[in-house]
Amino acid sequence: MRTLLPKTFLLACIVATIQAKIFGRCELARVLKDHGMDGFRGYSLANWVCMAFFESGFDTKAIEKNEDQSQDFGIFQISSDWWCKADIPSENLCYISCNELLNSNIEDDILCAKRIAADPQGMEAWDKWKTHCQHKDLKKWVNGCTF
């Protein structure tokens, strides 16, 4: 019994590691393109890739704590204040648990990002997009990628 606990813990760590993913730039661009993000609500694919880089470094397990006690989750840093359900009261407008945004399957992240972009604020909901991507030449985010 004594040796079972460390092995179980190690297995749990390995499984958690397998579920998260750090995407490559072109790999993410292909996934986003395949899910209809290129041109969604007038935003180019490069906008989405740029935003994901500055929000999470393409890391699906990224979590950021905010001053108001809310947190941002996943590759698009989706806020628990409005969009997903965490430990604090939330509007949960994407009808999803924030923890579901932390795995390598980003289909639910994409659906929620589309919901956010469909609001009047559009991509301006992401502060790091406004700072690093809006009104910038974004060609470098998709240059060299094949689709």
N, C-alpha and C. Protein backbone atom coordinates (compact mmCIF):
# COMPACT_ATOMS: atom_id res chain seq x y z
N MET A 1 0.81 -1.19 0.00
CA MET A 1 0.00 0.00 0.00
C MET A 1 0.86 1.26 0.00
N ARG A 2 1.97 1.19 0.65
CA ARG A 2 2.85 2.34 0.76
C ARG A 2 3.38 2.79 -0.60
N THR A 3 3.70 1.87 -1.49
CA THR A 3 4.23 2.24 -2.80
C THR A 3 3.13 2.60 -3.79
N LEU A 4 1.90 2.26 -3.50
CA LEU A 4 0.79 2.57 -4.39
C LEU A 4 0.53 4.07 -4.47
N LEU A 5 0.61 4.77 -3.36
CA LEU A 5 0.32 6.20 -3.33
C LEU A 5 1.24 7.01 -4.25
N PRO A 6 2.57 6.86 -4.16
CA PRO A 6 3.43 7.62 -5.08
C PRO A 6 3.17 7.27 -6.55
N LYS A 7 2.90 6.01 -6.85
CA LYS A 7 2.64 5.62 -8.24
C LYS A 7 1.34 6.23 -8.73
N THR A 8 0.33 6.26 -7.87
CA THR A 8 -0.95 6.85 -8.25
C THR A 8 -0.79 8.35 -8.50
N PHE A 9 -0.04 9.01 -7.63
CA PHE A 9 0.22 10.43 -7.80
C PHE A 9 0.96 10.70 -9.10
N LEU A 10 1.97 9.91 -9.39
CA LEU A 10 2.74 10.06 -10.62
C LEU A 10 1.84 9.86 -11.84
N LEU A 11 0.99 8.86 -11.81
CA LEU A 11 0.07 8.60 -12.91
C LEU A 11 -0.88 9.78 -13.11
N ALA A 12 -1.39 10.35 -12.02
CA ALA A 12 -2.29 11.50 -12.11
C ALA A 12 -1.57 12.69 -12.73
N CYS A 13 -0.31 12.91 -12.39
CA CYS A 13 0.47 14.00 -12.98
C CYS A 13 0.69 13.79 -14.47
N ILE A 14 0.96 12.56 -14.87
CA ILE A 14 1.16 12.25 -16.28
C ILE A 14 -0.12 12.47 -17.07
N VAL A 15 -1.25 12.02 -16.54
CA VAL A 15 -2.53 12.20 -17.23
C VAL A 15 -2.84 13.69 -17.36
N ALA A 16 -2.62 14.48 -16.32
CA ALA A 16 -2.88 15.92 -16.38
C ALA A 16 -1.99 16.58 -17.43
N THR A 17 -0.74 16.15 -17.53
CA THR A 17 0.17 16.70 -18.50
C THR A 17 -0.27 16.37 -19.92
N ILE A 18 -0.75 15.17 -20.14
CA ILE A 18 -1.18 14.74 -21.47
C ILE A 18 -2.37 15.56 -21.94
N GLN A 19 -3.26 15.94 -21.04
CA GLN A 19 -4.47 16.64 -21.42
C GLN A 19 -4.22 18.08 -21.84
N ALA A 20 -3.20 18.73 -21.32
CA ALA A 20 -2.88 20.11 -21.67
C ALA A 20 -1.97 20.12 -22.89
N LYS A 21 -1.90 21.28 -23.55
CA LYS A 21 -1.08 21.35 -24.75
C LYS A 21 -0.63 22.78 -24.99
N ILE A 22 0.59 22.92 -25.46
CA ILE A 22 1.07 24.19 -25.97
C ILE A 22 1.16 24.05 -27.48
N PHE A 23 0.33 24.78 -28.18
CA PHE A 23 0.26 24.69 -29.63
C PHE A 23 1.43 25.42 -30.27
N GLY A 24 1.82 24.96 -31.45
CA GLY A 24 2.71 25.72 -32.30
C GLY A 24 1.88 26.76 -33.05
N ARG A 25 2.51 27.82 -33.51
CA ARG A 25 1.81 28.91 -34.19
C ARG A 25 1.00 28.41 -35.38
N CYS A 26 1.63 27.69 -36.30
CA CYS A 26 0.93 27.21 -37.49
C CYS A 26 -0.07 26.11 -37.16
N GLU A 27 0.25 25.30 -36.18
CA GLU A 27 -0.68 24.26 -35.76
C GLU A 27 -1.98 24.89 -35.26
N LEU A 28 -1.86 25.92 -34.43
CA LEU A 28 -3.05 26.61 -33.94
C LEU A 28 -3.78 27.29 -35.09
N ALA A 29 -3.05 27.93 -35.98
CA ALA A 29 -3.68 28.60 -37.12
C ALA A 29 -4.51 27.60 -37.94
N ARG A 30 -3.98 26.40 -38.15
CA ARG A 30 -4.73 25.38 -38.91
C ARG A 30 -6.01 24.98 -38.18
N VAL A 31 -5.92 24.75 -36.88
CA VAL A 31 -7.10 24.35 -36.10
C VAL A 31 -8.14 25.46 -36.14
N LEU A 32 -7.71 26.69 -35.96
CA LEU A 32 -8.65 27.81 -35.97
C LEU A 32 -9.28 27.98 -37.35
N LYS A 33 -8.50 27.83 -38.38
CA LYS A 33 -9.04 27.92 -39.75
C LYS A 33 -10.06 26.81 -39.99
N ASP A 34 -9.74 25.60 -39.57
CA ASP A 34 -10.66 24.46 -39.73
C ASP A 34 -11.97 24.68 -38.98
N HIS A 35 -11.95 25.51 -37.95
CA HIS A 35 -13.16 25.78 -37.16
C HIS A 35 -13.81 27.11 -37.51
N GLY A 36 -13.47 27.64 -38.68
CA GLY A 36 -14.17 28.82 -39.18
C GLY A 36 -13.80 30.14 -38.55
N MET A 37 -12.61 30.25 -38.00
CA MET A 37 -12.22 31.49 -37.34
C MET A 37 -11.67 32.54 -38.31
N ASP A 38 -11.20 32.13 -39.48
CA ASP A 38 -10.65 33.09 -40.45
C ASP A 38 -11.80 33.91 -41.03
N GLY A 39 -11.86 35.16 -40.66
CA GLY A 39 -12.92 36.04 -41.12
C GLY A 39 -14.15 36.07 -40.22
N PHE A 40 -14.14 35.30 -39.14
CA PHE A 40 -15.28 35.29 -38.24
C PHE A 40 -15.48 36.69 -37.66
N ARG A 41 -16.67 37.23 -37.84
CA ARG A 41 -17.03 38.57 -37.40
C ARG A 41 -16.07 39.62 -37.92
N GLY A 42 -15.45 39.34 -39.07
CA GLY A 42 -14.56 40.30 -39.71
C GLY A 42 -13.12 40.28 -39.22
N TYR A 43 -12.78 39.33 -38.37
CA TYR A 43 -11.42 39.24 -37.84
C TYR A 43 -10.64 38.16 -38.57
N SER A 44 -9.48 38.54 -39.07
CA SER A 44 -8.63 37.60 -39.81
C SER A 44 -8.09 36.52 -38.87
N LEU A 45 -7.66 35.43 -39.48
CA LEU A 45 -7.03 34.35 -38.74
C LEU A 45 -5.83 34.86 -37.94
N ALA A 46 -5.07 35.77 -38.53
CA ALA A 46 -3.89 36.33 -37.86
C ALA A 46 -4.27 37.04 -36.56
N ASN A 47 -5.42 37.69 -36.52
CA ASN A 47 -5.88 38.33 -35.29
C ASN A 47 -6.07 37.31 -34.18
N TRP A 48 -6.69 36.18 -34.51
CA TRP A 48 -6.94 35.15 -33.50
C TRP A 48 -5.64 34.52 -33.00
N VAL A 49 -4.71 34.28 -33.91
CA VAL A 49 -3.43 33.68 -33.52
C VAL A 49 -2.63 34.66 -32.66
N CYS A 50 -2.59 35.91 -33.07
CA CYS A 50 -1.89 36.95 -32.29
C CYS A 50 -2.49 37.05 -30.89
N MET A 51 -3.81 37.11 -30.81
CA MET A 51 -4.47 37.23 -29.52
C MET A 51 -4.14 36.04 -28.62
N ALA A 52 -4.22 34.83 -29.15
CA ALA A 52 -3.94 33.63 -28.36
C ALA A 52 -2.49 33.63 -27.85
N PHE A 53 -1.57 34.11 -28.68
CA PHE A 53 -0.17 34.16 -28.23
C PHE A 53 -0.01 35.10 -27.04
N PHE A 54 -0.55 36.31 -27.15
CA PHE A 54 -0.35 37.27 -26.08
C PHE A 54 -1.20 36.97 -24.85
N GLU A 55 -2.31 36.28 -25.03
CA GLU A 55 -3.14 35.92 -23.89
C GLU A 55 -2.56 34.73 -23.12
N SER A 56 -2.08 33.70 -23.84
CA SER A 56 -1.69 32.46 -23.16
C SER A 56 -0.37 31.87 -23.60
N GLY A 57 0.27 32.43 -24.61
CA GLY A 57 1.46 31.78 -25.17
C GLY A 57 1.10 30.46 -25.83
N PHE A 58 -0.14 30.36 -26.33
CA PHE A 58 -0.68 29.16 -26.98
C PHE A 58 -0.83 27.98 -26.03
N ASP A 59 -0.88 28.24 -24.73
CA ASP A 59 -0.92 27.20 -23.70
C ASP A 59 -2.36 26.98 -23.25
N THR A 60 -2.87 25.76 -23.45
CA THR A 60 -4.26 25.47 -23.10
C THR A 60 -4.50 25.42 -21.60
N LYS A 61 -3.46 25.27 -20.81
CA LYS A 61 -3.66 25.18 -19.36
C LYS A 61 -3.39 26.50 -18.63
N ALA A 62 -3.25 27.58 -19.38
CA ALA A 62 -2.96 28.88 -18.78
C ALA A 62 -4.14 29.37 -17.93
N ILE A 63 -3.81 29.87 -16.74
CA ILE A 63 -4.80 30.49 -15.85
C ILE A 63 -4.18 31.77 -15.31
N GLU A 64 -4.93 32.85 -15.35
CA GLU A 64 -4.46 34.12 -14.80
C GLU A 64 -5.49 34.63 -13.79
N LYS A 65 -5.01 35.01 -12.62
CA LYS A 65 -5.89 35.57 -11.59
C LYS A 65 -5.96 37.08 -11.77
N ASN A 66 -7.17 37.61 -11.66
CA ASN A 66 -7.39 39.04 -11.82
C ASN A 66 -7.61 39.71 -10.47
N GLU A 67 -7.44 41.02 -10.42
CA GLU A 67 -7.61 41.77 -9.18
C GLU A 67 -9.00 41.62 -8.59
N ASP A 68 -10.02 41.43 -9.44
CA ASP A 68 -11.40 41.33 -8.95
C ASP A 68 -11.77 39.91 -8.50
N GLN A 69 -10.79 39.04 -8.37
CA GLN A 69 -10.95 37.64 -7.94
C GLN A 69 -11.44 36.72 -9.06
N SER A 70 -11.76 37.26 -10.21
CA SER A 70 -12.09 36.38 -11.34
C SER A 70 -10.79 35.81 -11.89
N GLN A 71 -10.91 34.83 -12.77
CA GLN A 71 -9.74 34.24 -13.40
C GLN A 71 -10.01 34.11 -14.90
N ASP A 72 -8.92 34.07 -15.67
CA ASP A 72 -9.00 33.85 -17.11
C ASP A 72 -8.42 32.48 -17.40
N PHE A 73 -9.08 31.73 -18.28
CA PHE A 73 -8.76 30.32 -18.50
C PHE A 73 -8.46 29.98 -19.96
N GLY A 74 -7.48 29.11 -20.14
CA GLY A 74 -7.24 28.47 -21.41
C GLY A 74 -6.49 29.31 -22.43
N ILE A 75 -6.48 28.80 -23.63
CA ILE A 75 -5.69 29.39 -24.71
C ILE A 75 -6.13 30.80 -25.07
N PHE A 76 -7.43 31.11 -24.87
CA PHE A 76 -7.95 32.45 -25.15
C PHE A 76 -8.16 33.27 -23.88
N GLN A 77 -7.79 32.71 -22.72
CA GLN A 77 -7.93 33.41 -21.43
C GLN A 77 -9.36 33.94 -21.26
N ILE A 78 -10.30 33.03 -21.26
CA ILE A 78 -11.72 33.33 -21.14
C ILE A 78 -12.06 33.57 -19.67
N SER A 79 -12.74 34.67 -19.41
CA SER A 79 -12.98 35.14 -18.04
C SER A 79 -14.10 34.40 -17.33
N SER A 80 -13.81 34.05 -16.07
CA SER A 80 -14.81 33.41 -15.23
C SER A 80 -15.85 34.42 -14.76
N ASP A 81 -15.59 35.68 -14.94
CA ASP A 81 -16.53 36.71 -14.52
C ASP A 81 -17.80 36.68 -15.39
N TRP A 82 -17.63 36.46 -16.67
CA TRP A 82 -18.76 36.51 -17.61
C TRP A 82 -19.00 35.22 -18.37
N TRP A 83 -17.95 34.54 -18.77
CA TRP A 83 -18.09 33.55 -19.84
C TRP A 83 -18.11 32.10 -19.40
N CYS A 84 -17.44 31.75 -18.32
CA CYS A 84 -17.40 30.35 -17.86
C CYS A 84 -17.62 30.29 -16.36
N LYS A 85 -17.95 29.11 -15.87
CA LYS A 85 -18.29 28.92 -14.46
C LYS A 85 -17.09 28.37 -13.69
N ALA A 86 -16.67 29.14 -12.67
CA ALA A 86 -15.59 28.69 -11.78
C ALA A 86 -16.11 28.75 -10.34
N ASP A 87 -15.27 29.17 -9.42
CA ASP A 87 -15.63 29.17 -8.00
C ASP A 87 -16.38 30.41 -7.55
N ILE A 88 -16.44 31.43 -8.38
CA ILE A 88 -17.14 32.65 -8.00
C ILE A 88 -18.40 32.79 -8.85
N PRO A 89 -19.35 33.59 -8.41
CA PRO A 89 -20.56 33.78 -9.24
C PRO A 89 -20.17 34.30 -10.62
N SER A 90 -20.85 33.79 -11.63
CA SER A 90 -20.52 34.12 -13.01
C SER A 90 -21.80 34.17 -13.84
N GLU A 91 -21.77 34.98 -14.87
CA GLU A 91 -22.87 34.96 -15.83
C GLU A 91 -22.87 33.66 -16.63
N ASN A 92 -21.68 33.07 -16.83
CA ASN A 92 -21.50 31.81 -17.56
C ASN A 92 -22.22 31.83 -18.91
N LEU A 93 -21.95 32.86 -19.69
CA LEU A 93 -22.63 33.05 -20.97
C LEU A 93 -22.25 32.02 -22.04
N CYS A 94 -21.16 31.29 -21.81
CA CYS A 94 -20.79 30.20 -22.73
C CYS A 94 -21.30 28.85 -22.23
N TYR A 95 -21.94 28.84 -21.08
CA TYR A 95 -22.51 27.61 -20.51
C TYR A 95 -21.48 26.49 -20.43
N ILE A 96 -20.36 26.81 -19.78
CA ILE A 96 -19.26 25.85 -19.69
C ILE A 96 -18.51 26.03 -18.37
N SER A 97 -17.98 24.96 -17.85
CA SER A 97 -17.09 25.04 -16.70
C SER A 97 -15.74 25.58 -17.19
N CYS A 98 -15.17 26.49 -16.44
CA CYS A 98 -13.87 27.05 -16.83
C CYS A 98 -12.80 25.97 -16.95
N ASN A 99 -12.88 24.94 -16.12
CA ASN A 99 -11.90 23.85 -16.17
C ASN A 99 -11.92 23.11 -17.50
N GLU A 100 -13.05 23.13 -18.20
CA GLU A 100 -13.13 22.48 -19.50
C GLU A 100 -12.33 23.23 -20.57
N LEU A 101 -11.90 24.44 -20.25
CA LEU A 101 -11.11 25.24 -21.19
C LEU A 101 -9.62 25.01 -21.03
N LEU A 102 -9.23 24.05 -20.19
CA LEU A 102 -7.82 23.85 -19.87
C LEU A 102 -7.21 22.60 -20.51
N ASN A 103 -7.93 21.93 -21.39
CA ASN A 103 -7.39 20.71 -22.00
C ASN A 103 -6.97 20.95 -23.45
N SER A 104 -6.44 19.94 -24.08
CA SER A 104 -5.92 20.08 -25.44
C SER A 104 -6.99 20.17 -26.51
N ASN A 105 -8.22 19.80 -26.18
CA ASN A 105 -9.32 19.92 -27.14
C ASN A 105 -9.88 21.34 -27.02
N ILE A 106 -9.59 22.17 -28.01
CA ILE A 106 -9.98 23.58 -27.90
C ILE A 106 -11.28 23.90 -28.66
N GLU A 107 -12.03 22.88 -29.05
CA GLU A 107 -13.29 23.15 -29.74
C GLU A 107 -14.24 23.97 -28.87
N ASP A 108 -14.34 23.65 -27.58
CA ASP A 108 -15.21 24.42 -26.69
C ASP A 108 -14.66 25.83 -26.47
N ASP A 109 -13.35 25.98 -26.44
CA ASP A 109 -12.73 27.30 -26.33
C ASP A 109 -13.10 28.16 -27.55
N ILE A 110 -13.03 27.54 -28.72
CA ILE A 110 -13.35 28.24 -29.96
C ILE A 110 -14.81 28.67 -29.98
N LEU A 111 -15.70 27.78 -29.57
CA LEU A 111 -17.12 28.14 -29.52
C LEU A 111 -17.36 29.32 -28.58
N CYS A 112 -16.70 29.30 -27.44
CA CYS A 112 -16.86 30.40 -26.49
C CYS A 112 -16.23 31.68 -27.04
N ALA A 113 -15.07 31.59 -27.67
CA ALA A 113 -14.44 32.78 -28.28
C ALA A 113 -15.35 33.37 -29.35
N LYS A 114 -16.02 32.53 -30.11
CA LYS A 114 -16.97 33.02 -31.11
C LYS A 114 -18.13 33.74 -30.43
N ARG A 115 -18.59 33.20 -29.32
CA ARG A 115 -19.68 33.84 -28.57
C ARG A 115 -19.25 35.21 -28.07
N ILE A 116 -18.02 35.30 -27.58
CA ILE A 116 -17.49 36.57 -27.08
C ILE A 116 -17.36 37.57 -28.23
N ALA A 117 -16.80 37.14 -29.34
CA ALA A 117 -16.60 38.02 -30.50
C ALA A 117 -17.92 38.47 -31.11
N ALA A 118 -18.98 37.70 -30.90
CA ALA A 118 -20.30 38.06 -31.43
C ALA A 118 -20.95 39.20 -30.64
N ASP A 119 -20.46 39.45 -29.44
CA ASP A 119 -20.97 40.56 -28.65
C ASP A 119 -20.52 41.89 -29.28
N PRO A 120 -21.19 42.98 -28.96
CA PRO A 120 -20.83 44.27 -29.58
C PRO A 120 -19.37 44.67 -29.41
N GLN A 121 -18.74 44.25 -28.31
CA GLN A 121 -17.34 44.61 -28.07
C GLN A 121 -16.39 43.87 -29.01
N GLY A 122 -16.81 42.74 -29.55
CA GLY A 122 -15.97 41.96 -30.45
C GLY A 122 -14.66 41.55 -29.78
N MET A 123 -13.58 41.60 -30.53
CA MET A 123 -12.29 41.20 -29.98
C MET A 123 -11.73 42.21 -28.99
N GLU A 124 -12.36 43.36 -28.90
CA GLU A 124 -11.92 44.33 -27.89
C GLU A 124 -12.17 43.84 -26.47
N ALA A 125 -12.87 42.72 -26.33
CA ALA A 125 -13.05 42.09 -25.02
C ALA A 125 -11.71 41.59 -24.48
N TRP A 126 -10.75 41.37 -25.37
CA TRP A 126 -9.43 40.90 -24.96
C TRP A 126 -8.47 42.09 -24.92
N ASP A 127 -8.08 42.50 -23.73
CA ASP A 127 -7.19 43.66 -23.57
C ASP A 127 -5.85 43.46 -24.26
N LYS A 128 -5.32 42.24 -24.19
CA LYS A 128 -4.00 42.00 -24.80
C LYS A 128 -4.09 42.05 -26.32
N TRP A 129 -5.24 41.72 -26.88
CA TRP A 129 -5.43 41.88 -28.33
C TRP A 129 -5.40 43.36 -28.68
N LYS A 130 -6.09 44.18 -27.87
CA LYS A 130 -6.11 45.63 -28.13
C LYS A 130 -4.69 46.20 -28.07
N THR A 131 -3.92 45.76 -27.10
CA THR A 131 -2.58 46.29 -26.90
C THR A 131 -1.58 45.81 -27.95
N HIS A 132 -1.63 44.53 -28.28
CA HIS A 132 -0.57 43.94 -29.10
C HIS A 132 -0.95 43.63 -30.56
N CYS A 133 -2.24 43.56 -30.85
CA CYS A 133 -2.65 43.08 -32.18
C CYS A 133 -3.49 44.07 -32.98
N GLN A 134 -4.38 44.78 -32.31
CA GLN A 134 -5.29 45.68 -33.00
C GLN A 134 -4.52 46.75 -33.77
N HIS A 135 -4.90 46.96 -35.02
CA HIS A 135 -4.31 47.98 -35.90
C HIS A 135 -2.82 47.74 -36.15
N LYS A 136 -2.37 46.49 -36.07
CA LYS A 136 -0.97 46.15 -36.33
C LYS A 136 -0.89 45.28 -37.58
N ASP A 137 0.29 45.24 -38.18
CA ASP A 137 0.53 44.31 -39.30
C ASP A 137 0.70 42.92 -38.69
N LEU A 138 -0.24 42.04 -38.98
CA LEU A 138 -0.27 40.72 -38.33
C LEU A 138 0.14 39.58 -39.26
N LYS A 139 0.66 39.88 -40.42
CA LYS A 139 1.02 38.83 -41.39
C LYS A 139 1.94 37.78 -40.81
N LYS A 140 2.84 38.20 -39.92
CA LYS A 140 3.83 37.27 -39.36
C LYS A 140 3.18 36.12 -38.60
N TRP A 141 1.94 36.31 -38.14
CA TRP A 141 1.28 35.27 -37.35
C TRP A 141 0.82 34.09 -38.17
N VAL A 142 0.69 34.27 -39.48
CA VAL A 142 0.29 33.15 -40.35
C VAL A 142 1.25 32.91 -41.50
N ASN A 143 2.25 33.78 -41.68
CA ASN A 143 3.23 33.57 -42.74
C ASN A 143 3.93 32.23 -42.57
N GLY A 144 4.07 31.51 -43.69
CA GLY A 144 4.75 30.23 -43.69
C GLY A 144 3.87 29.07 -43.28
N CYS A 145 2.66 29.32 -42.85
CA CYS A 145 1.75 28.23 -42.46
C CYS A 145 1.05 27.70 -43.72
N THR A 146 0.87 26.40 -43.76
CA THR A 146 0.15 25.80 -44.88
C THR A 146 -1.21 25.33 -44.39
N PHE A 147 -2.21 25.52 -45.24
CA PHE A 147 -3.58 25.15 -44.84
C PHE A 147 -4.18 24.17 -45.83
